[in-house]
N, C-alpha and C. Protein backbone atom coordinates (compact mmCIF):
# COMPACT_ATOMS: atom_id res chain seq x y z
N MET A 1 25.42 -8.78 9.94
CA MET A 1 26.17 -7.55 10.14
C MET A 1 25.97 -6.65 8.93
N ARG A 2 25.70 -5.40 9.19
CA ARG A 2 25.52 -4.44 8.11
C ARG A 2 26.88 -3.97 7.61
N ASP A 3 27.05 -4.01 6.30
CA ASP A 3 28.33 -3.57 5.76
C ASP A 3 28.19 -2.64 4.57
N ALA A 4 26.97 -2.27 4.20
CA ALA A 4 26.76 -1.34 3.09
C ALA A 4 26.37 0.02 3.67
N ALA A 5 27.15 1.03 3.33
CA ALA A 5 26.88 2.38 3.84
C ALA A 5 25.90 3.11 2.94
N ILE A 6 25.01 3.85 3.57
CA ILE A 6 24.09 4.74 2.85
C ILE A 6 24.24 6.11 3.50
N ASN A 7 24.68 7.08 2.73
CA ASN A 7 24.89 8.41 3.27
C ASN A 7 23.93 9.39 2.61
N LEU A 8 23.43 10.33 3.40
CA LEU A 8 22.60 11.38 2.83
C LEU A 8 22.70 12.63 3.69
N ARG A 9 22.35 13.73 3.08
CA ARG A 9 22.38 15.01 3.79
C ARG A 9 20.95 15.44 4.07
N ALA A 10 20.75 16.07 5.21
CA ALA A 10 19.43 16.53 5.60
C ALA A 10 19.54 17.90 6.24
N LEU A 11 18.45 18.63 6.21
CA LEU A 11 18.39 19.89 6.94
C LEU A 11 18.39 19.59 8.44
N PRO A 12 18.90 20.48 9.26
CA PRO A 12 18.88 20.24 10.71
C PRO A 12 17.47 19.95 11.23
N GLU A 13 16.48 20.64 10.69
CA GLU A 13 15.10 20.41 11.15
C GLU A 13 14.65 18.99 10.81
N GLN A 14 15.05 18.51 9.63
CA GLN A 14 14.68 17.15 9.24
C GLN A 14 15.36 16.13 10.16
N ARG A 15 16.62 16.34 10.43
CA ARG A 15 17.36 15.45 11.32
C ARG A 15 16.72 15.44 12.70
N ASP A 16 16.37 16.63 13.20
CA ASP A 16 15.77 16.71 14.53
C ASP A 16 14.42 15.98 14.57
N LEU A 17 13.63 16.14 13.54
CA LEU A 17 12.34 15.45 13.47
C LEU A 17 12.53 13.93 13.46
N ILE A 18 13.47 13.47 12.64
CA ILE A 18 13.77 12.03 12.57
C ILE A 18 14.26 11.52 13.91
N ASP A 19 15.14 12.27 14.55
CA ASP A 19 15.66 11.87 15.85
C ASP A 19 14.55 11.80 16.89
N HIS A 20 13.66 12.77 16.86
CA HIS A 20 12.55 12.78 17.82
C HIS A 20 11.65 11.56 17.61
N ALA A 21 11.28 11.31 16.37
CA ALA A 21 10.42 10.16 16.07
C ALA A 21 11.12 8.86 16.45
N ALA A 22 12.39 8.74 16.15
CA ALA A 22 13.14 7.53 16.49
C ALA A 22 13.15 7.33 18.01
N SER A 23 13.37 8.41 18.75
CA SER A 23 13.42 8.28 20.21
C SER A 23 12.08 7.87 20.78
N LEU A 24 10.98 8.32 20.16
CA LEU A 24 9.65 7.92 20.61
C LEU A 24 9.45 6.41 20.48
N LEU A 25 10.12 5.82 19.51
CA LEU A 25 10.01 4.37 19.30
C LEU A 25 11.15 3.59 19.95
N GLY A 26 12.04 4.30 20.63
CA GLY A 26 13.16 3.63 21.28
C GLY A 26 14.19 3.13 20.29
N LYS A 27 14.32 3.82 19.17
CA LYS A 27 15.27 3.40 18.13
C LYS A 27 16.32 4.49 17.94
N ASN A 28 17.43 4.11 17.35
CA ASN A 28 18.40 5.12 16.97
C ASN A 28 18.06 5.62 15.57
N ARG A 29 18.70 6.70 15.17
CA ARG A 29 18.40 7.32 13.88
C ARG A 29 18.58 6.35 12.72
N SER A 30 19.68 5.61 12.71
CA SER A 30 19.95 4.70 11.60
C SER A 30 18.89 3.62 11.48
N ASP A 31 18.56 3.00 12.61
CA ASP A 31 17.55 1.94 12.58
C ASP A 31 16.20 2.49 12.13
N PHE A 32 15.84 3.66 12.66
CA PHE A 32 14.57 4.28 12.29
C PHE A 32 14.52 4.58 10.80
N MET A 33 15.57 5.19 10.28
CA MET A 33 15.59 5.58 8.86
C MET A 33 15.62 4.36 7.96
N LEU A 34 16.38 3.35 8.33
CA LEU A 34 16.45 2.15 7.51
C LEU A 34 15.10 1.44 7.48
N GLU A 35 14.43 1.35 8.63
CA GLU A 35 13.12 0.72 8.68
C GLU A 35 12.11 1.50 7.84
N ALA A 36 12.10 2.83 7.98
CA ALA A 36 11.15 3.66 7.23
C ALA A 36 11.43 3.56 5.73
N ALA A 37 12.68 3.59 5.34
CA ALA A 37 13.02 3.51 3.92
C ALA A 37 12.64 2.15 3.35
N CYS A 38 12.87 1.09 4.11
CA CYS A 38 12.52 -0.25 3.62
C CYS A 38 11.01 -0.42 3.50
N GLU A 39 10.25 0.12 4.46
CA GLU A 39 8.79 0.04 4.37
C GLU A 39 8.30 0.76 3.12
N ARG A 40 8.85 1.93 2.86
CA ARG A 40 8.43 2.69 1.67
C ARG A 40 8.85 1.96 0.40
N ALA A 41 10.05 1.41 0.38
CA ALA A 41 10.53 0.68 -0.80
C ALA A 41 9.65 -0.53 -1.08
N GLN A 42 9.26 -1.26 -0.04
CA GLN A 42 8.38 -2.41 -0.23
C GLN A 42 7.04 -1.97 -0.80
N ALA A 43 6.50 -0.86 -0.30
CA ALA A 43 5.22 -0.37 -0.80
C ALA A 43 5.32 -0.02 -2.28
N VAL A 44 6.40 0.63 -2.67
CA VAL A 44 6.59 1.00 -4.07
C VAL A 44 6.66 -0.25 -4.94
N VAL A 45 7.43 -1.22 -4.52
CA VAL A 45 7.57 -2.45 -5.30
C VAL A 45 6.23 -3.17 -5.41
N LEU A 46 5.48 -3.24 -4.29
CA LEU A 46 4.20 -3.95 -4.31
C LEU A 46 3.14 -3.21 -5.11
N ASP A 47 3.30 -1.92 -5.29
CA ASP A 47 2.32 -1.14 -6.04
C ASP A 47 2.51 -1.21 -7.55
N GLN A 48 3.53 -1.88 -7.99
CA GLN A 48 3.76 -1.96 -9.43
C GLN A 48 2.64 -2.76 -10.09
N VAL A 49 2.18 -2.29 -11.21
CA VAL A 49 1.05 -2.95 -11.88
C VAL A 49 1.48 -3.73 -13.11
N PHE A 50 2.72 -3.67 -13.48
CA PHE A 50 3.20 -4.38 -14.66
C PHE A 50 3.57 -5.81 -14.28
N PHE A 51 3.09 -6.75 -15.04
CA PHE A 51 3.53 -8.12 -14.90
C PHE A 51 3.55 -8.76 -16.28
N SER A 52 4.35 -9.77 -16.43
CA SER A 52 4.57 -10.38 -17.74
C SER A 52 3.92 -11.76 -17.79
N LEU A 53 3.20 -12.01 -18.88
CA LEU A 53 2.59 -13.32 -19.11
C LEU A 53 2.90 -13.78 -20.52
N ASP A 54 3.04 -15.10 -20.70
CA ASP A 54 3.18 -15.60 -22.06
C ASP A 54 1.82 -15.51 -22.74
N ALA A 55 1.77 -15.77 -24.04
CA ALA A 55 0.54 -15.58 -24.82
C ALA A 55 -0.63 -16.41 -24.29
N ASP A 56 -0.37 -17.65 -23.92
CA ASP A 56 -1.46 -18.51 -23.42
C ASP A 56 -2.01 -18.00 -22.09
N ARG A 57 -1.15 -17.65 -21.20
CA ARG A 57 -1.59 -17.15 -19.89
C ARG A 57 -2.29 -15.80 -20.04
N PHE A 58 -1.80 -14.96 -20.95
CA PHE A 58 -2.46 -13.67 -21.17
C PHE A 58 -3.88 -13.88 -21.68
N LYS A 59 -4.06 -14.85 -22.57
CA LYS A 59 -5.39 -15.16 -23.09
C LYS A 59 -6.30 -15.64 -21.96
N GLN A 60 -5.80 -16.51 -21.11
CA GLN A 60 -6.58 -16.98 -19.96
C GLN A 60 -6.96 -15.80 -19.06
N PHE A 61 -6.02 -14.94 -18.82
CA PHE A 61 -6.24 -13.77 -17.96
C PHE A 61 -7.31 -12.86 -18.54
N THR A 62 -7.21 -12.52 -19.82
CA THR A 62 -8.19 -11.62 -20.43
C THR A 62 -9.56 -12.30 -20.54
N ASP A 63 -9.59 -13.61 -20.75
CA ASP A 63 -10.88 -14.32 -20.77
C ASP A 63 -11.57 -14.21 -19.41
N LEU A 64 -10.80 -14.37 -18.34
CA LEU A 64 -11.38 -14.23 -17.00
C LEU A 64 -11.90 -12.81 -16.76
N LEU A 65 -11.17 -11.83 -17.23
CA LEU A 65 -11.61 -10.44 -17.06
C LEU A 65 -12.87 -10.14 -17.87
N ASP A 66 -13.01 -10.79 -19.01
CA ASP A 66 -14.15 -10.54 -19.89
C ASP A 66 -15.42 -11.28 -19.47
N GLU A 67 -15.30 -12.28 -18.60
CA GLU A 67 -16.48 -13.02 -18.15
C GLU A 67 -17.37 -12.11 -17.33
N PRO A 68 -18.69 -12.28 -17.48
CA PRO A 68 -19.58 -11.49 -16.63
C PRO A 68 -19.41 -11.90 -15.16
N ALA A 69 -19.61 -10.95 -14.30
CA ALA A 69 -19.49 -11.24 -12.87
C ALA A 69 -20.59 -12.20 -12.44
N GLY A 70 -20.25 -13.11 -11.59
CA GLY A 70 -21.23 -14.06 -11.06
C GLY A 70 -22.06 -13.42 -9.96
N PRO A 71 -23.05 -14.14 -9.46
CA PRO A 71 -23.88 -13.62 -8.39
C PRO A 71 -23.04 -13.31 -7.15
N ASN A 72 -23.39 -12.23 -6.49
CA ASN A 72 -22.67 -11.83 -5.29
C ASN A 72 -23.70 -11.40 -4.25
N PRO A 73 -24.17 -12.36 -3.44
CA PRO A 73 -25.22 -12.04 -2.47
C PRO A 73 -24.84 -10.90 -1.51
N GLY A 74 -23.60 -10.86 -1.10
CA GLY A 74 -23.17 -9.80 -0.19
C GLY A 74 -23.29 -8.43 -0.83
N LEU A 75 -22.88 -8.32 -2.08
CA LEU A 75 -22.99 -7.05 -2.79
C LEU A 75 -24.46 -6.69 -3.01
N GLU A 76 -25.28 -7.68 -3.31
CA GLU A 76 -26.71 -7.42 -3.50
C GLU A 76 -27.34 -6.89 -2.22
N ARG A 77 -26.98 -7.48 -1.06
CA ARG A 77 -27.50 -6.98 0.22
C ARG A 77 -27.05 -5.54 0.46
N LEU A 78 -25.78 -5.28 0.19
CA LEU A 78 -25.25 -3.94 0.40
C LEU A 78 -25.96 -2.92 -0.48
N MET A 79 -26.18 -3.26 -1.73
CA MET A 79 -26.83 -2.32 -2.65
C MET A 79 -28.31 -2.11 -2.31
N ALA A 80 -28.92 -3.04 -1.57
CA ALA A 80 -30.33 -2.92 -1.20
C ALA A 80 -30.53 -1.99 -0.01
N VAL A 81 -29.47 -1.66 0.71
CA VAL A 81 -29.58 -0.79 1.88
C VAL A 81 -29.73 0.66 1.41
N LYS A 82 -30.72 1.35 1.97
CA LYS A 82 -30.93 2.75 1.62
C LYS A 82 -29.84 3.60 2.28
N ALA A 83 -29.36 4.58 1.56
CA ALA A 83 -28.38 5.50 2.12
C ALA A 83 -29.04 6.34 3.21
N PRO A 84 -28.33 6.62 4.30
CA PRO A 84 -28.93 7.38 5.39
C PRO A 84 -29.50 8.73 4.95
N TRP A 85 -28.86 9.36 3.98
CA TRP A 85 -29.32 10.67 3.55
C TRP A 85 -30.56 10.60 2.64
N SER A 86 -30.90 9.38 2.18
CA SER A 86 -32.07 9.27 1.32
C SER A 86 -33.32 8.84 2.07
N LYS A 87 -33.19 8.53 3.37
CA LYS A 87 -34.34 8.12 4.18
C LYS A 87 -35.12 9.36 4.60
N ARG A 88 -36.42 9.24 4.53
CA ARG A 88 -37.28 10.35 4.97
C ARG A 88 -37.65 10.14 6.43
N SER A 89 -37.64 11.23 7.18
CA SER A 89 -38.07 11.11 8.57
C SER A 89 -39.59 11.20 8.62
N ALA A 90 -40.20 10.44 9.53
CA ALA A 90 -41.67 10.38 9.60
C ALA A 90 -42.24 11.49 10.43
């Protein structure tokens, strides 16, 4: 059961747009807005680039980043393909 209220003010045009989109999905305004807000919040949280490591793990992490890249046959095949705009017509 939901028991935390979230209130906000919107322009009538914004409310109408939200209501229209919600109706297209068969949802009410509250469910639509809560779902959209949660999706955006999850994206923001997942996009964070800061993470914390102790000194030993940080050293391991930077060592891995500093290692030269190993062979990548798929990338080599991709790079061997000529770009369509660089091919000459016969």
